[in-house]
Amino acid sequence: MALHLLKLAVGVSDLAALRRLQRERARERGFYCFYTRNMPRREAEVLDGGSVYWVIKGYIEARQRIRGFVPIVNRHGRPAVLVKLLPTQPRSHRAFQGWRYLEPDEVPADRPKRKPGTEMPAAMARELRELGLL
């Protein structure tokens, strides 16, 4: 059974901003990855279909399938993780540092695919969630 990671998107205002940031980093590096300070001890479980779930402004907003842990050495000597973005149903979550494991029964569902231009603006959706209306 897959094990997932939970990570804060620090300094990111919404899902569109996370996408922009990741596209920018992909252009700089030739591919997108994020760096982790420590390699997960439960690496085999995470690689068995696991994802990283991104917390944006207090809500789990998206997930990215973890393709693998690439043992590269950056300027800080840290490993990298290659991932791809997939939106989820938003779910509130408190702040934390680094990343956490997320068990399969705790993950939010993926958002259904919608036609372009039919999705509610992120700020409006966030406000409705905070009011308990969404």
C-alpha atoms as a PDB file:
ATOM      1  CA  MET A   1       0.000   0.000   0.000  1.00  0.00           C
ATOM      2  CA  ALA A   2       1.324   3.419  -0.997  1.00  0.00           C
ATOM      3  CA  LEU A   3       2.479   5.914   1.592  1.00  0.00           C
ATOM      4  CA  HIS A   4       2.299   9.630   0.805  1.00  0.00           C
ATOM      5  CA  LEU A   5       4.207  12.767   1.833  1.00  0.00           C
ATOM      6  CA  LEU A   6       2.646  16.022   3.008  1.00  0.00           C
ATOM      7  CA  LYS A   7       4.590  19.223   2.286  1.00  0.00           C
ATOM      8  CA  LEU A   8       3.964  22.955   2.764  1.00  0.00           C
ATOM      9  CA  ALA A   9       4.172  25.176  -0.312  1.00  0.00           C
ATOM     10  CA  VAL A  10       5.849  28.067   1.501  1.00  0.00           C
ATOM     11  CA  GLY A  11       5.365  31.498  -0.057  1.00  0.00           C
ATOM     12  CA  VAL A  12       2.770  30.206  -2.546  1.00  0.00           C
ATOM     13  CA  SER A  13      -0.596  32.004  -2.611  1.00  0.00           C
ATOM     14  CA  ASP A  14      -2.684  29.519  -4.622  1.00  0.00           C
ATOM     15  CA  LEU A  15      -2.559  26.523  -6.954  1.00  0.00           C
ATOM     16  CA  ALA A  16      -1.907  28.695 -10.018  1.00  0.00           C
ATOM     17  CA  ALA A  17       1.111  30.250  -8.266  1.00  0.00           C
ATOM     18  CA  LEU A  18       2.479  26.774  -7.449  1.00  0.00           C
ATOM     19  CA  ARG A  19       2.133  25.783 -11.105  1.00  0.00           C
ATOM     20  CA  ARG A  20       3.901  28.980 -12.234  1.00  0.00           C
ATOM     21  CA  LEU A  21       6.731  28.456  -9.752  1.00  0.00           C
ATOM     22  CA  GLN A  22       7.208  24.850 -10.845  1.00  0.00           C
ATOM     23  CA  ARG A  23       7.186  25.798 -14.565  1.00  0.00           C
ATOM     24  CA  GLU A  24       9.786  28.487 -13.842  1.00  0.00           C
ATOM     25  CA  ARG A  25      12.024  26.033 -11.995  1.00  0.00           C
ATOM     26  CA  ALA A  26      11.597  23.467 -14.783  1.00  0.00           C
ATOM     27  CA  ARG A  27      12.759  26.053 -17.350  1.00  0.00           C
ATOM     28  CA  GLU A  28      15.807  26.879 -15.200  1.00  0.00           C
ATOM     29  CA  ARG A  29      16.814  23.247 -14.606  1.00  0.00           C
ATOM     30  CA  GLY A  30      15.447  21.495 -17.671  1.00  0.00           C
ATOM     31  CA  PHE A  31      13.094  19.446 -15.438  1.00  0.00           C
ATOM     32  CA  TYR A  32      11.076  19.996 -12.270  1.00  0.00           C
ATOM     33  CA  CYS A  33      11.977  18.554  -8.893  1.00  0.00           C
ATOM     34  CA  PHE A  34      11.895  19.687  -5.299  1.00  0.00           C
ATOM     35  CA  TYR A  35      14.609  19.122  -2.757  1.00  0.00           C
ATOM     36  CA  THR A  36      14.244  17.342   0.535  1.00  0.00           C
ATOM     37  CA  ARG A  37      16.552  17.739   3.476  1.00  0.00           C
ATOM     38  CA  ASN A  38      16.335  14.042   4.374  1.00  0.00           C
ATOM     39  CA  MET A  39      15.623  10.942   2.353  1.00  0.00           C
ATOM     40  CA  PRO A  40      12.413   9.219   3.571  1.00  0.00           C
ATOM     41  CA  ARG A  41      13.157   6.165   5.691  1.00  0.00           C
ATOM     42  CA  ARG A  42      10.042   4.539   4.297  1.00  0.00           C
ATOM     43  CA  GLU A  43      11.209   5.136   0.723  1.00  0.00           C
ATOM     44  CA  ALA A  44       9.962   1.780  -0.654  1.00  0.00           C
ATOM     45  CA  GLU A  45       6.422   2.468   0.622  1.00  0.00           C
ATOM     46  CA  VAL A  46       6.416   5.984  -0.869  1.00  0.00           C
ATOM     47  CA  LEU A  47       7.663   4.717  -4.238  1.00  0.00           C
ATOM     48  CA  ASP A  48       4.870   2.109  -4.294  1.00  0.00           C
ATOM     49  CA  GLY A  49       2.449   4.631  -5.866  1.00  0.00           C
ATOM     50  CA  GLY A  50       2.897   7.467  -3.342  1.00  0.00           C
ATOM     51  CA  SER A  51       2.388  11.181  -3.938  1.00  0.00           C
ATOM     52  CA  VAL A  52       3.396  14.426  -2.300  1.00  0.00           C
ATOM     53  CA  TYR A  53       0.354  16.426  -1.149  1.00  0.00           C
ATOM     54  CA  TRP A  54       0.894  20.207  -1.155  1.00  0.00           C
ATOM     55  CA  VAL A  55      -0.534  22.400   1.624  1.00  0.00           C
ATOM     56  CA  ILE A  56      -1.244  25.915   0.299  1.00  0.00           C
ATOM     57  CA  LYS A  57      -2.499  28.585   2.713  1.00  0.00           C
ATOM     58  CA  GLY A  58      -3.707  25.988   5.226  1.00  0.00           C
ATOM     59  CA  TYR A  59      -5.393  23.627   2.724  1.00  0.00           C
ATOM     60  CA  ILE A  60      -4.196  20.507   0.973  1.00  0.00           C
ATOM     61  CA  GLU A  61      -4.719  21.721  -2.610  1.00  0.00           C
ATOM     62  CA  ALA A  62      -2.812  19.405  -4.950  1.00  0.00           C
ATOM     63  CA  ARG A  63      -0.804  16.256  -5.224  1.00  0.00           C
ATOM     64  CA  GLN A  64       2.094  15.160  -7.354  1.00  0.00           C
ATOM     65  CA  ARG A  65       2.964  11.552  -8.047  1.00  0.00           C
ATOM     66  CA  ILE A  66       6.450  10.762  -6.795  1.00  0.00           C
ATOM     67  CA  ARG A  67       8.460   9.312  -9.647  1.00  0.00           C
ATOM     68  CA  GLY A  68      11.549   8.554  -7.600  1.00  0.00           C
ATOM     69  CA  PHE A  69      14.218   9.816  -5.291  1.00  0.00           C
ATOM     70  CA  VAL A  70      17.180  10.845  -7.378  1.00  0.00           C
ATOM     71  CA  PRO A  71      20.431  10.764  -5.434  1.00  0.00           C
ATOM     72  CA  ILE A  72      21.978  13.923  -6.850  1.00  0.00           C
ATOM     73  CA  VAL A  73      24.177  16.291  -4.931  1.00  0.00           C
ATOM     74  CA  ASN A  74      23.090  19.907  -5.091  1.00  0.00           C
ATOM     75  CA  ARG A  75      25.055  22.739  -3.543  1.00  0.00           C
ATOM     76  CA  HIS A  76      23.804  21.635  -0.114  1.00  0.00           C
ATOM     77  CA  GLY A  77      24.396  17.918  -0.735  1.00  0.00           C
ATOM     78  CA  ARG A  78      20.657  17.048  -0.695  1.00  0.00           C
ATOM     79  CA  PRO A  79      18.610  14.533  -2.744  1.00  0.00           C
ATOM     80  CA  ALA A  80      15.878  15.522  -5.227  1.00  0.00           C
ATOM     81  CA  VAL A  81      12.399  14.160  -5.938  1.00  0.00           C
ATOM     82  CA  LEU A  82      10.862  14.252  -9.434  1.00  0.00           C
ATOM     83  CA  VAL A  83       7.084  14.958  -9.392  1.00  0.00           C
ATOM     84  CA  LYS A  84       4.009  16.019 -11.493  1.00  0.00           C
ATOM     85  CA  LEU A  85       1.070  18.205 -10.316  1.00  0.00           C
ATOM     86  CA  LEU A  86      -2.553  16.941  -9.963  1.00  0.00           C
ATOM     87  CA  PRO A  87      -5.237  19.055  -8.137  1.00  0.00           C
ATOM     88  CA  THR A  88      -7.133  17.525  -5.180  1.00  0.00           C
ATOM     89  CA  GLN A  89     -10.297  18.369  -3.297  1.00  0.00           C
ATOM     90  CA  PRO A  90      -9.126  21.043  -0.807  1.00  0.00           C
ATOM     91  CA  ARG A  91      -8.914  19.949   2.828  1.00  0.00           C
ATOM     92  CA  SER A  92      -7.735  22.106   5.722  1.00  0.00           C
ATOM     93  CA  HIS A  93      -4.471  21.269   7.456  1.00  0.00           C
ATOM     94  CA  ARG A  94      -2.421  22.974  10.157  1.00  0.00           C
ATOM     95  CA  ALA A  95       1.080  24.285   9.536  1.00  0.00           C
ATOM     96  CA  PHE A  96       4.223  22.201  10.111  1.00  0.00           C
ATOM     97  CA  GLN A  97       7.872  22.182   9.057  1.00  0.00           C
ATOM     98  CA  GLY A  98       9.495  19.955   6.459  1.00  0.00           C
ATOM     99  CA  TRP A  99       7.280  17.107   5.244  1.00  0.00           C
ATOM    100  CA  ARG A 100       5.178  14.469   6.967  1.00  0.00           C
ATOM    101  CA  TYR A 101       3.958  11.008   6.014  1.00  0.00           C
ATOM    102  CA  LEU A 102       0.305  10.824   4.984  1.00  0.00           C
ATOM    103  CA  GLU A 103      -1.407   7.441   5.291  1.00  0.00           C
ATOM    104  CA  PRO A 104      -3.667   6.304   2.401  1.00  0.00           C
ATOM    105  CA  ASP A 105      -6.863   6.665   4.462  1.00  0.00           C
ATOM    106  CA  GLU A 106      -6.028  10.341   5.182  1.00  0.00           C
ATOM    107  CA  VAL A 107      -5.625  11.591   1.589  1.00  0.00           C
ATOM    108  CA  PRO A 108      -8.200  13.908  -0.028  1.00  0.00           C
ATOM    109  CA  ALA A 109      -9.790  12.898  -3.330  1.00  0.00           C
ATOM    110  CA  ASP A 110      -8.510  14.279  -6.622  1.00  0.00           C
ATOM    111  CA  ARG A 111     -10.581  17.090  -8.116  1.00  0.00           C
ATOM    112  CA  PRO A 112     -12.779  16.095 -11.038  1.00  0.00           C
ATOM    113  CA  LYS A 113     -11.619  17.314 -14.448  1.00  0.00           C
ATOM    114  CA  ARG A 114     -13.518  20.375 -15.667  1.00  0.00           C
ATOM    115  CA  LYS A 115     -13.754  22.233 -18.938  1.00  0.00           C
ATOM    116  CA  PRO A 116     -11.323  25.176 -19.143  1.00  0.00           C
ATOM    117  CA  GLY A 117     -12.895  28.379 -17.835  1.00  0.00           C
ATOM    118  CA  THR A 118     -15.577  26.629 -15.746  1.00  0.00           C
ATOM    119  CA  GLU A 119     -13.584  26.379 -12.512  1.00  0.00           C
ATOM    120  CA  MET A 120     -14.359  28.784  -9.672  1.00  0.00           C
ATOM    121  CA  PRO A 121     -11.618  31.371  -8.978  1.00  0.00           C
ATOM    122  CA  ALA A 122      -9.274  30.128  -6.235  1.00  0.00           C
ATOM    123  CA  ALA A 123      -9.831  33.133  -3.939  1.00  0.00           C
ATOM    124  CA  MET A 124     -13.614  32.726  -4.136  1.00  0.00           C
ATOM    125  CA  ALA A 125     -13.417  28.977  -3.476  1.00  0.00           C
ATOM    126  CA  ARG A 126     -11.121  29.552  -0.473  1.00  0.00           C
ATOM    127  CA  GLU A 127     -13.483  32.152   0.999  1.00  0.00           C
ATOM    128  CA  LEU A 128     -16.517  29.871   0.547  1.00  0.00           C
ATOM    129  CA  ARG A 129     -14.608  26.990   2.224  1.00  0.00           C
ATOM    130  CA  GLU A 130     -13.690  29.228   5.165  1.00  0.00           C
ATOM    131  CA  LEU A 131     -17.384  30.180   5.523  1.00  0.00           C
ATOM    132  CA  GLY A 132     -18.325  26.482   5.395  1.00  0.00           C
ATOM    133  CA  LEU A 133     -20.296  26.917   2.178  1.00  0.00           C
ATOM    134  CA  LEU A 134     -18.142  24.732  -0.047  1.00  0.00           C
END
